[in-house]
Amino acid sequence: MQKTRSNNVQKIIILGLLIALDVVLTRFLSIQLPFSRIGFGFLPIAVVGMLFGPFYGVLAGIAGDLIGISLFPTAPYFIGFTISAAIRGLIYGIFLRNRPLKFMQIAIASILVSTVITICLDTTWLHIILGKGYLALLPIRLAQGATMLIIQVALISFVYESIIKRGKLETRIGA
């Protein structure tokens, strides 16, 4: 009983820290462009997916988005971006959970996030919010998706290797 409780406390602490890091990286350490944002908030959510799987990936994505928009609003709240954050966590949890992680899993997860989330869903949300034509937004969003794809694959691979080398990616984390 004590070990289970300790694992649960450890899981809550790690999730809380990664969600806080998601908020900071998304809100403060991103490059804001007119119709898009080059950010690094994907990285903590990818780590949640690696450590805890899709369920907690979804929860972390939703929590990070809701906390971020509540504490540091940059625009009115729109549920579409919360849906995108949840799906992003789901994708990372599904593809990055299996260990040992292969480069192809990272690439597939990043391609799905870039195409499904960045190019399709987020462009749709911006079309709805801004009232601009979907096809008018698409070239900028395609460029952002391609840029983020390269950044995601590189950073997720680097972080995964760093976690493995430090021996921190273990099943005893309580996932």
N, C-alpha and C. Protein backbone atom coordinates (compact mmCIF):
# COMPACT_ATOMS: atom_id res chain seq x y z
N MET A 1 0.83 -1.19 0.00
CA MET A 1 0.00 0.00 0.00
C MET A 1 0.87 1.25 0.00
N GLN A 2 1.90 1.27 0.84
CA GLN A 2 2.78 2.44 0.93
C GLN A 2 3.49 2.68 -0.40
N LYS A 3 3.93 1.58 -1.07
CA LYS A 3 4.64 1.72 -2.34
C LYS A 3 3.71 2.28 -3.42
N THR A 4 2.47 1.81 -3.47
CA THR A 4 1.50 2.31 -4.43
C THR A 4 1.23 3.79 -4.20
N ARG A 5 1.08 4.17 -2.96
CA ARG A 5 0.84 5.57 -2.63
C ARG A 5 2.03 6.43 -3.03
N SER A 6 3.23 5.93 -2.78
CA SER A 6 4.45 6.64 -3.15
C SER A 6 4.54 6.80 -4.67
N ASN A 7 4.19 5.74 -5.41
CA ASN A 7 4.19 5.82 -6.88
C ASN A 7 3.16 6.83 -7.38
N ASN A 8 1.98 6.86 -6.75
CA ASN A 8 0.95 7.82 -7.14
C ASN A 8 1.40 9.25 -6.88
N VAL A 9 2.01 9.48 -5.75
CA VAL A 9 2.52 10.82 -5.42
C VAL A 9 3.59 11.22 -6.42
N GLN A 10 4.49 10.29 -6.72
CA GLN A 10 5.56 10.57 -7.69
C GLN A 10 4.96 10.89 -9.06
N LYS A 11 3.95 10.14 -9.48
CA LYS A 11 3.31 10.37 -10.77
C LYS A 11 2.66 11.75 -10.80
N ILE A 12 1.95 12.12 -9.74
CA ILE A 12 1.29 13.43 -9.68
C ILE A 12 2.32 14.56 -9.74
N ILE A 13 3.42 14.40 -9.03
CA ILE A 13 4.47 15.43 -9.03
C ILE A 13 5.06 15.58 -10.43
N ILE A 14 5.40 14.47 -11.06
CA ILE A 14 5.99 14.52 -12.40
C ILE A 14 5.01 15.13 -13.39
N LEU A 15 3.75 14.70 -13.34
CA LEU A 15 2.74 15.26 -14.24
C LEU A 15 2.58 16.77 -14.02
N GLY A 16 2.53 17.19 -12.77
CA GLY A 16 2.39 18.61 -12.46
C GLY A 16 3.55 19.43 -12.99
N LEU A 17 4.76 18.92 -12.81
CA LEU A 17 5.95 19.63 -13.31
C LEU A 17 5.95 19.71 -14.83
N LEU A 18 5.58 18.62 -15.50
CA LEU A 18 5.56 18.62 -16.96
C LEU A 18 4.45 19.52 -17.51
N ILE A 19 3.31 19.56 -16.85
CA ILE A 19 2.23 20.46 -17.27
C ILE A 19 2.67 21.91 -17.08
N ALA A 20 3.31 22.22 -15.95
CA ALA A 20 3.82 23.58 -15.73
C ALA A 20 4.85 23.95 -16.78
N LEU A 21 5.72 23.01 -17.13
CA LEU A 21 6.72 23.26 -18.16
C LEU A 21 6.05 23.49 -19.52
N ASP A 22 4.99 22.74 -19.79
CA ASP A 22 4.21 22.95 -21.02
C ASP A 22 3.69 24.38 -21.09
N VAL A 23 3.12 24.86 -20.00
CA VAL A 23 2.57 26.22 -19.96
C VAL A 23 3.68 27.24 -20.21
N VAL A 24 4.80 27.09 -19.53
CA VAL A 24 5.90 28.05 -19.68
C VAL A 24 6.46 28.03 -21.10
N LEU A 25 6.72 26.84 -21.62
CA LEU A 25 7.29 26.75 -22.97
C LEU A 25 6.32 27.25 -24.03
N THR A 26 5.04 27.00 -23.86
CA THR A 26 4.04 27.44 -24.84
C THR A 26 3.81 28.94 -24.76
N ARG A 27 3.67 29.47 -23.57
CA ARG A 27 3.29 30.88 -23.41
C ARG A 27 4.45 31.86 -23.45
N PHE A 28 5.63 31.43 -23.02
CA PHE A 28 6.74 32.39 -22.88
C PHE A 28 7.94 32.11 -23.77
N LEU A 29 8.15 30.88 -24.15
CA LEU A 29 9.33 30.55 -24.95
C LEU A 29 8.93 30.06 -26.34
N SER A 30 8.05 30.79 -26.97
CA SER A 30 7.64 30.45 -28.32
C SER A 30 7.74 31.70 -29.19
N ILE A 31 7.84 31.47 -30.46
CA ILE A 31 7.95 32.56 -31.43
C ILE A 31 6.56 32.79 -32.02
N GLN A 32 5.99 33.95 -31.75
CA GLN A 32 4.64 34.26 -32.22
C GLN A 32 4.71 34.89 -33.60
N LEU A 33 4.04 34.27 -34.55
CA LEU A 33 3.92 34.78 -35.91
C LEU A 33 2.48 35.23 -36.12
N PRO A 34 2.18 35.96 -37.20
CA PRO A 34 0.82 36.47 -37.37
C PRO A 34 -0.29 35.42 -37.29
N PHE A 35 -0.12 34.28 -37.93
CA PHE A 35 -1.18 33.27 -37.92
C PHE A 35 -0.72 31.94 -37.33
N SER A 36 0.39 31.96 -36.66
CA SER A 36 0.89 30.71 -36.08
C SER A 36 1.90 31.01 -34.99
N ARG A 37 2.33 29.95 -34.34
CA ARG A 37 3.30 30.07 -33.26
C ARG A 37 4.25 28.88 -33.35
N ILE A 38 5.53 29.18 -33.32
CA ILE A 38 6.55 28.14 -33.26
C ILE A 38 6.87 27.97 -31.78
N GLY A 39 6.46 26.86 -31.22
CA GLY A 39 6.62 26.68 -29.78
C GLY A 39 7.23 25.35 -29.43
N PHE A 40 7.52 25.21 -28.15
CA PHE A 40 8.17 24.01 -27.66
C PHE A 40 7.33 23.30 -26.60
N GLY A 41 6.08 23.71 -26.45
CA GLY A 41 5.19 23.09 -25.47
C GLY A 41 4.88 21.64 -25.77
N PHE A 42 5.14 21.22 -27.01
CA PHE A 42 4.92 19.82 -27.37
C PHE A 42 5.84 18.88 -26.58
N LEU A 43 7.01 19.38 -26.21
CA LEU A 43 8.02 18.51 -25.61
C LEU A 43 7.60 17.91 -24.27
N PRO A 44 7.10 18.70 -23.31
CA PRO A 44 6.64 18.08 -22.05
C PRO A 44 5.48 17.10 -22.26
N ILE A 45 4.61 17.40 -23.22
CA ILE A 45 3.48 16.50 -23.49
C ILE A 45 4.00 15.20 -24.10
N ALA A 46 5.02 15.29 -24.95
CA ALA A 46 5.64 14.08 -25.50
C ALA A 46 6.27 13.24 -24.39
N VAL A 47 6.89 13.90 -23.42
CA VAL A 47 7.50 13.17 -22.29
C VAL A 47 6.41 12.50 -21.45
N VAL A 48 5.29 13.18 -21.24
CA VAL A 48 4.16 12.55 -20.54
C VAL A 48 3.73 11.31 -21.30
N GLY A 49 3.64 11.41 -22.62
CA GLY A 49 3.28 10.24 -23.43
C GLY A 49 4.27 9.10 -23.27
N MET A 50 5.56 9.43 -23.24
CA MET A 50 6.60 8.41 -23.05
C MET A 50 6.47 7.71 -21.70
N LEU A 51 6.28 8.52 -20.67
CA LEU A 51 6.28 7.98 -19.31
C LEU A 51 4.98 7.31 -18.91
N PHE A 52 3.85 7.89 -19.33
CA PHE A 52 2.57 7.47 -18.76
C PHE A 52 1.52 7.00 -19.77
N GLY A 53 1.75 7.18 -21.06
CA GLY A 53 0.82 6.70 -22.06
C GLY A 53 -0.25 7.69 -22.47
N PRO A 54 -1.19 7.23 -23.32
CA PRO A 54 -2.16 8.12 -23.95
C PRO A 54 -3.15 8.77 -22.99
N PHE A 55 -3.63 8.05 -21.99
CA PHE A 55 -4.62 8.63 -21.08
C PHE A 55 -4.07 9.88 -20.39
N TYR A 56 -2.88 9.75 -19.83
CA TYR A 56 -2.28 10.90 -19.15
C TYR A 56 -1.77 11.94 -20.15
N GLY A 57 -1.43 11.51 -21.37
CA GLY A 57 -1.08 12.46 -22.41
C GLY A 57 -2.24 13.38 -22.73
N VAL A 58 -3.44 12.80 -22.85
CA VAL A 58 -4.65 13.60 -23.09
C VAL A 58 -4.90 14.55 -21.92
N LEU A 59 -4.86 14.02 -20.70
CA LEU A 59 -5.10 14.86 -19.52
C LEU A 59 -4.09 16.00 -19.42
N ALA A 60 -2.82 15.71 -19.68
CA ALA A 60 -1.78 16.74 -19.60
C ALA A 60 -1.98 17.79 -20.68
N GLY A 61 -2.35 17.37 -21.88
CA GLY A 61 -2.61 18.32 -22.95
C GLY A 61 -3.75 19.26 -22.61
N ILE A 62 -4.84 18.70 -22.10
CA ILE A 62 -6.00 19.52 -21.71
C ILE A 62 -5.63 20.44 -20.55
N ALA A 63 -4.99 19.90 -19.53
CA ALA A 63 -4.63 20.71 -18.35
C ALA A 63 -3.69 21.84 -18.74
N GLY A 64 -2.67 21.55 -19.55
CA GLY A 64 -1.73 22.58 -19.97
C GLY A 64 -2.42 23.70 -20.74
N ASP A 65 -3.34 23.33 -21.63
CA ASP A 65 -4.05 24.34 -22.41
C ASP A 65 -4.96 25.18 -21.52
N LEU A 66 -5.72 24.54 -20.66
CA LEU A 66 -6.66 25.28 -19.80
C LEU A 66 -5.94 26.16 -18.78
N ILE A 67 -4.87 25.65 -18.19
CA ILE A 67 -4.10 26.46 -17.24
C ILE A 67 -3.44 27.62 -17.96
N GLY A 68 -2.86 27.35 -19.12
CA GLY A 68 -2.20 28.40 -19.89
C GLY A 68 -3.13 29.52 -20.29
N ILE A 69 -4.29 29.17 -20.81
CA ILE A 69 -5.24 30.21 -21.26
C ILE A 69 -5.87 30.93 -20.07
N SER A 70 -5.99 30.24 -18.93
CA SER A 70 -6.57 30.88 -17.74
C SER A 70 -5.60 31.87 -17.10
N LEU A 71 -4.33 31.48 -17.00
CA LEU A 71 -3.35 32.33 -16.33
C LEU A 71 -2.74 33.38 -17.25
N PHE A 72 -2.56 33.03 -18.51
CA PHE A 72 -1.86 33.93 -19.44
C PHE A 72 -2.62 33.99 -20.77
N PRO A 73 -3.80 34.58 -20.77
CA PRO A 73 -4.59 34.61 -22.01
C PRO A 73 -3.93 35.49 -23.08
N THR A 74 -3.89 34.97 -24.28
CA THR A 74 -3.40 35.75 -25.42
C THR A 74 -4.54 36.07 -26.37
N ALA A 75 -5.66 35.41 -26.18
CA ALA A 75 -6.86 35.61 -27.00
C ALA A 75 -8.02 35.00 -26.22
N PRO A 76 -9.25 35.24 -26.66
CA PRO A 76 -10.38 34.59 -25.98
C PRO A 76 -10.26 33.07 -26.08
N TYR A 77 -10.79 32.38 -25.08
CA TYR A 77 -10.73 30.92 -25.06
C TYR A 77 -11.53 30.35 -26.22
N PHE A 78 -10.97 29.34 -26.86
CA PHE A 78 -11.65 28.61 -27.92
C PHE A 78 -11.41 27.13 -27.70
N ILE A 79 -12.47 26.37 -27.57
CA ILE A 79 -12.36 24.95 -27.22
C ILE A 79 -11.61 24.12 -28.26
N GLY A 80 -11.58 24.58 -29.49
CA GLY A 80 -10.89 23.84 -30.54
C GLY A 80 -9.43 23.58 -30.22
N PHE A 81 -8.76 24.58 -29.65
CA PHE A 81 -7.35 24.40 -29.33
C PHE A 81 -7.15 23.43 -28.15
N THR A 82 -8.14 23.34 -27.28
CA THR A 82 -8.08 22.35 -26.21
C THR A 82 -8.25 20.95 -26.79
N ILE A 83 -9.13 20.82 -27.77
CA ILE A 83 -9.29 19.53 -28.47
C ILE A 83 -7.98 19.15 -29.15
N SER A 84 -7.34 20.12 -29.80
CA SER A 84 -6.04 19.86 -30.45
C SER A 84 -5.00 19.40 -29.43
N ALA A 85 -4.97 20.05 -28.27
CA ALA A 85 -4.01 19.68 -27.22
C ALA A 85 -4.28 18.26 -26.72
N ALA A 86 -5.54 17.90 -26.59
CA ALA A 86 -5.89 16.55 -26.14
C ALA A 86 -5.46 15.50 -27.17
N ILE A 87 -5.73 15.77 -28.43
CA ILE A 87 -5.36 14.82 -29.48
C ILE A 87 -3.84 14.70 -29.59
N ARG A 88 -3.14 15.82 -29.42
CA ARG A 88 -1.67 15.80 -29.43
C ARG A 88 -1.15 14.86 -28.32
N GLY A 89 -1.71 14.99 -27.12
CA GLY A 89 -1.32 14.12 -26.02
C GLY A 89 -1.64 12.66 -26.30
N LEU A 90 -2.77 12.42 -26.95
CA LEU A 90 -3.17 11.06 -27.33
C LEU A 90 -2.18 10.46 -28.32
N ILE A 91 -1.84 11.22 -29.35
CA ILE A 91 -0.90 10.74 -30.36
C ILE A 91 0.46 10.42 -29.74
N TYR A 92 0.97 11.35 -28.94
CA TYR A 92 2.26 11.09 -28.30
C TYR A 92 2.19 9.88 -27.37
N GLY A 93 1.11 9.75 -26.64
CA GLY A 93 0.97 8.61 -25.73
C GLY A 93 0.90 7.28 -26.45
N ILE A 94 0.22 7.26 -27.59
CA ILE A 94 0.10 6.01 -28.35
C ILE A 94 1.43 5.62 -28.98
N PHE A 95 2.11 6.57 -29.60
CA PHE A 95 3.30 6.24 -30.37
C PHE A 95 4.60 6.25 -29.57
N LEU A 96 4.65 6.98 -28.48
CA LEU A 96 5.91 7.09 -27.74
C LEU A 96 5.95 6.22 -26.49
N ARG A 97 4.88 5.53 -26.18
CA ARG A 97 4.80 4.74 -24.96
C ARG A 97 5.63 3.46 -25.01
N ASN A 98 5.70 2.83 -26.16
CA ASN A 98 6.41 1.55 -26.26
C ASN A 98 7.91 1.76 -26.13
N ARG A 99 8.53 0.90 -25.33
CA ARG A 99 9.98 0.99 -25.17
C ARG A 99 10.59 -0.33 -25.58
N PRO A 100 11.77 -0.36 -26.16
CA PRO A 100 12.57 0.81 -26.51
C PRO A 100 11.95 1.55 -27.70
N LEU A 101 12.04 2.85 -27.65
CA LEU A 101 11.44 3.71 -28.66
C LEU A 101 12.32 3.72 -29.90
N LYS A 102 11.70 3.58 -31.04
CA LYS A 102 12.40 3.59 -32.32
C LYS A 102 12.22 4.97 -32.97
N PHE A 103 13.20 5.33 -33.79
CA PHE A 103 13.14 6.61 -34.50
C PHE A 103 11.84 6.72 -35.30
N MET A 104 11.42 5.60 -35.91
CA MET A 104 10.21 5.62 -36.75
C MET A 104 8.97 5.99 -35.92
N GLN A 105 8.90 5.55 -34.66
CA GLN A 105 7.77 5.92 -33.81
C GLN A 105 7.74 7.43 -33.58
N ILE A 106 8.90 8.01 -33.33
CA ILE A 106 8.99 9.45 -33.13
C ILE A 106 8.59 10.18 -34.41
N ALA A 107 9.08 9.69 -35.55
CA ALA A 107 8.76 10.33 -36.83
C ALA A 107 7.26 10.24 -37.13
N ILE A 108 6.66 9.08 -36.93
CA ILE A 108 5.22 8.92 -37.20
C ILE A 108 4.40 9.82 -36.28
N ALA A 109 4.73 9.84 -35.00
CA ALA A 109 4.01 10.70 -34.06
C ALA A 109 4.13 12.16 -34.48
N SER A 110 5.32 12.58 -34.85
CA SER A 110 5.54 13.98 -35.24
C SER A 110 4.83 14.31 -36.54
N ILE A 111 4.83 13.38 -37.50
CA ILE A 111 4.12 13.60 -38.76
C ILE A 111 2.63 13.73 -38.50
N LEU A 112 2.08 12.86 -37.67
CA LEU A 112 0.65 12.94 -37.34
C LEU A 112 0.31 14.25 -36.64
N VAL A 113 1.12 14.65 -35.66
CA VAL A 113 0.86 15.90 -34.96
C VAL A 113 0.94 17.07 -35.94
N SER A 114 1.94 17.08 -36.81
CA SER A 114 2.09 18.18 -37.75
C SER A 114 0.94 18.24 -38.76
N THR A 115 0.52 17.08 -39.27
CA THR A 115 -0.53 17.09 -40.29
C THR A 115 -1.92 17.21 -39.67
N VAL A 116 -2.24 16.34 -38.74
CA VAL A 116 -3.59 16.33 -38.17
C VAL A 116 -3.85 17.57 -37.31
N ILE A 117 -2.90 17.92 -36.44
CA ILE A 117 -3.12 19.03 -35.52
C ILE A 117 -2.76 20.36 -36.16
N THR A 118 -1.49 20.56 -36.49
CA THR A 118 -1.02 21.86 -36.95
C THR A 118 -1.67 22.27 -38.26
N ILE A 119 -1.64 21.39 -39.25
CA ILE A 119 -2.12 21.78 -40.58
C ILE A 119 -3.64 21.69 -40.68
N CYS A 120 -4.25 20.61 -40.22
CA CYS A 120 -5.70 20.44 -40.40
C CYS A 120 -6.52 21.14 -39.31
N LEU A 121 -6.41 20.65 -38.07
CA LEU A 121 -7.29 21.15 -37.01
C LEU A 121 -7.02 22.62 -36.66
N ASP A 122 -5.75 22.95 -36.35
CA ASP A 122 -5.47 24.32 -35.93
C ASP A 122 -5.77 25.33 -37.04
N THR A 123 -5.57 24.95 -38.30
CA THR A 123 -5.93 25.84 -39.41
C THR A 123 -7.44 26.02 -39.45
N THR A 124 -8.18 24.96 -39.20
CA THR A 124 -9.65 25.07 -39.14
C THR A 124 -10.07 26.00 -38.01
N TRP A 125 -9.44 25.85 -36.84
CA TRP A 125 -9.80 26.72 -35.71
C TRP A 125 -9.50 28.18 -36.04
N LEU A 126 -8.36 28.44 -36.66
CA LEU A 126 -8.02 29.82 -37.04
C LEU A 126 -8.99 30.36 -38.09
N HIS A 127 -9.40 29.51 -39.01
CA HIS A 127 -10.39 29.89 -40.02
C HIS A 127 -11.70 30.31 -39.34
N ILE A 128 -12.13 29.55 -38.35
CA ILE A 128 -13.37 29.86 -37.62
C ILE A 128 -13.22 31.15 -36.82
N ILE A 129 -12.11 31.29 -36.10
CA ILE A 129 -11.92 32.45 -35.22
C ILE A 129 -11.68 33.73 -36.00
N LEU A 130 -10.80 33.66 -36.99
CA LEU A 130 -10.39 34.87 -37.70
C LEU A 130 -11.29 35.22 -38.88
N GLY A 131 -12.05 34.25 -39.35
CA GLY A 131 -12.92 34.50 -40.49
C GLY A 131 -12.15 34.58 -41.80
N LYS A 132 -10.91 34.17 -41.80
CA LYS A 132 -10.10 34.17 -43.03
C LYS A 132 -10.32 32.85 -43.75
N GLY A 133 -10.14 32.88 -45.05
CA GLY A 133 -10.31 31.67 -45.84
C GLY A 133 -9.33 30.58 -45.45
N TYR A 134 -9.82 29.36 -45.40
CA TYR A 134 -8.98 28.21 -45.03
C TYR A 134 -7.78 28.11 -45.97
N LEU A 135 -8.05 28.23 -47.27
CA LEU A 135 -6.96 28.11 -48.25
C LEU A 135 -5.98 29.28 -48.16
N ALA A 136 -6.45 30.43 -47.70
CA ALA A 136 -5.54 31.57 -47.52
C ALA A 136 -4.59 31.33 -46.35
N LEU A 137 -5.06 30.64 -45.32
CA LEU A 137 -4.23 30.33 -44.16
C LEU A 137 -3.28 29.16 -44.40
N LEU A 138 -3.64 28.31 -45.33
CA LEU A 138 -2.93 27.05 -45.51
C LEU A 138 -1.43 27.17 -45.83
N PRO A 139 -0.99 28.07 -46.70
CA PRO A 139 0.46 28.13 -46.97
C PRO A 139 1.30 28.41 -45.72
N ILE A 140 0.86 29.33 -44.88
CA ILE A 140 1.58 29.64 -43.65
C ILE A 140 1.57 28.43 -42.72
N ARG A 141 0.42 27.78 -42.63
CA ARG A 141 0.29 26.62 -41.75
C ARG A 141 1.11 25.43 -42.26
N LEU A 142 1.20 25.27 -43.57
CA LEU A 142 2.04 24.21 -44.13
C LEU A 142 3.51 24.46 -43.79
N ALA A 143 3.93 25.71 -43.91
CA ALA A 143 5.32 26.05 -43.56
C ALA A 143 5.58 25.79 -42.08
N GLN A 144 4.61 26.18 -41.23
CA GLN A 144 4.78 25.93 -39.80
C GLN A 144 4.81 24.43 -39.51
N GLY A 145 3.93 23.68 -40.15
CA GLY A 145 3.89 22.23 -39.94
C GLY A 145 5.21 21.57 -40.33
N ALA A 146 5.78 21.98 -41.46
CA ALA A 146 7.05 21.41 -41.90
C ALA A 146 8.18 21.78 -40.94
N THR A 147 8.19 23.04 -40.51
CA THR A 147 9.21 23.49 -39.56
C THR A 147 9.10 22.73 -38.24
N MET A 148 7.88 22.64 -37.73
CA MET A 148 7.67 21.97 -36.45
C MET A 148 7.96 20.48 -36.53
N LEU A 149 7.72 19.88 -37.68
CA LEU A 149 8.02 18.46 -37.85
C LEU A 149 9.51 18.19 -37.61
N ILE A 150 10.34 18.99 -38.21
CA ILE A 150 11.80 18.83 -38.04
C ILE A 150 12.19 19.07 -36.59
N ILE A 151 11.66 20.13 -35.99
CA ILE A 151 11.98 20.47 -34.60
C ILE A 151 11.51 19.36 -33.66
N GLN A 152 10.29 18.86 -33.87
CA GLN A 152 9.75 17.82 -33.00
C GLN A 152 10.57 16.54 -33.06
N VAL A 153 10.88 16.08 -34.25
CA VAL A 153 11.65 14.84 -34.37
C VAL A 153 13.00 14.99 -33.69
N ALA A 154 13.67 16.11 -33.94
CA ALA A 154 15.01 16.32 -33.36
C ALA A 154 14.95 16.40 -31.84
N LEU A 155 14.05 17.23 -31.30
CA LEU A 155 14.01 17.43 -29.85
C LEU A 155 13.48 16.22 -29.09
N ILE A 156 12.45 15.57 -29.62
CA ILE A 156 11.92 14.38 -28.95
C ILE A 156 12.98 13.28 -28.93
N SER A 157 13.70 13.10 -30.04
CA SER A 157 14.77 12.10 -30.09
C SER A 157 15.85 12.42 -29.06
N PHE A 158 16.25 13.68 -28.99
CA PHE A 158 17.29 14.11 -28.06
C PHE A 158 16.85 13.89 -26.61
N VAL A 159 15.63 14.30 -26.29
CA VAL A 159 15.13 14.15 -24.91
C VAL A 159 14.99 12.68 -24.55
N TYR A 160 14.51 11.87 -25.47
CA TYR A 160 14.38 10.44 -25.20
C TYR A 160 15.74 9.82 -24.90
N GLU A 161 16.72 10.13 -25.72
CA GLU A 161 18.07 9.60 -25.49
C GLU A 161 18.64 10.08 -24.16
N SER A 162 18.38 11.34 -23.81
CA SER A 162 18.85 11.88 -22.53
C SER A 162 18.21 11.17 -21.35
N ILE A 163 16.91 10.91 -21.46
CA ILE A 163 16.20 10.21 -20.39
C ILE A 163 16.72 8.79 -20.24
N ILE A 164 16.93 8.12 -21.36
CA ILE A 164 17.44 6.74 -21.34
C ILE A 164 18.83 6.69 -20.72
N LYS A 165 19.71 7.60 -21.12
CA LYS A 165 21.08 7.61 -20.60
C LYS A 165 21.11 7.85 -19.10
N ARG A 166 20.18 8.61 -18.59
CA ARG A 166 20.13 8.88 -17.16
C ARG A 166 19.38 7.78 -16.41
N GLY A 167 18.80 6.85 -17.15
CA GLY A 167 18.09 5.74 -16.51
C GLY A 167 16.79 6.16 -15.87
N LYS A 168 16.18 7.24 -16.36
CA LYS A 168 14.96 7.75 -15.74
C LYS A 168 13.69 7.16 -16.35
N LEU A 169 13.80 6.49 -17.47
CA LEU A 169 12.62 5.94 -18.12
C LEU A 169 12.46 4.48 -17.70
N GLU A 170 11.77 4.30 -16.59
CA GLU A 170 11.60 2.97 -16.03
C GLU A 170 10.13 2.72 -15.77
N THR A 171 9.76 1.46 -15.71
CA THR A 171 8.37 1.14 -15.43
C THR A 171 8.00 1.42 -13.98
N ARG A 172 8.96 1.60 -13.11
CA ARG A 172 8.64 1.83 -11.70
C ARG A 172 8.04 3.21 -11.45
N ILE A 173 7.99 4.05 -12.49
CA ILE A 173 7.40 5.37 -12.32
C ILE A 173 5.92 5.24 -11.98
N GLY A 174 5.35 4.11 -12.23
CA GLY A 174 3.98 3.88 -11.80
C GLY A 174 2.97 4.08 -12.91
N ALA A 175 3.40 3.98 -14.14
CA ALA A 175 2.48 4.17 -15.26
C ALA A 175 1.61 2.96 -15.44
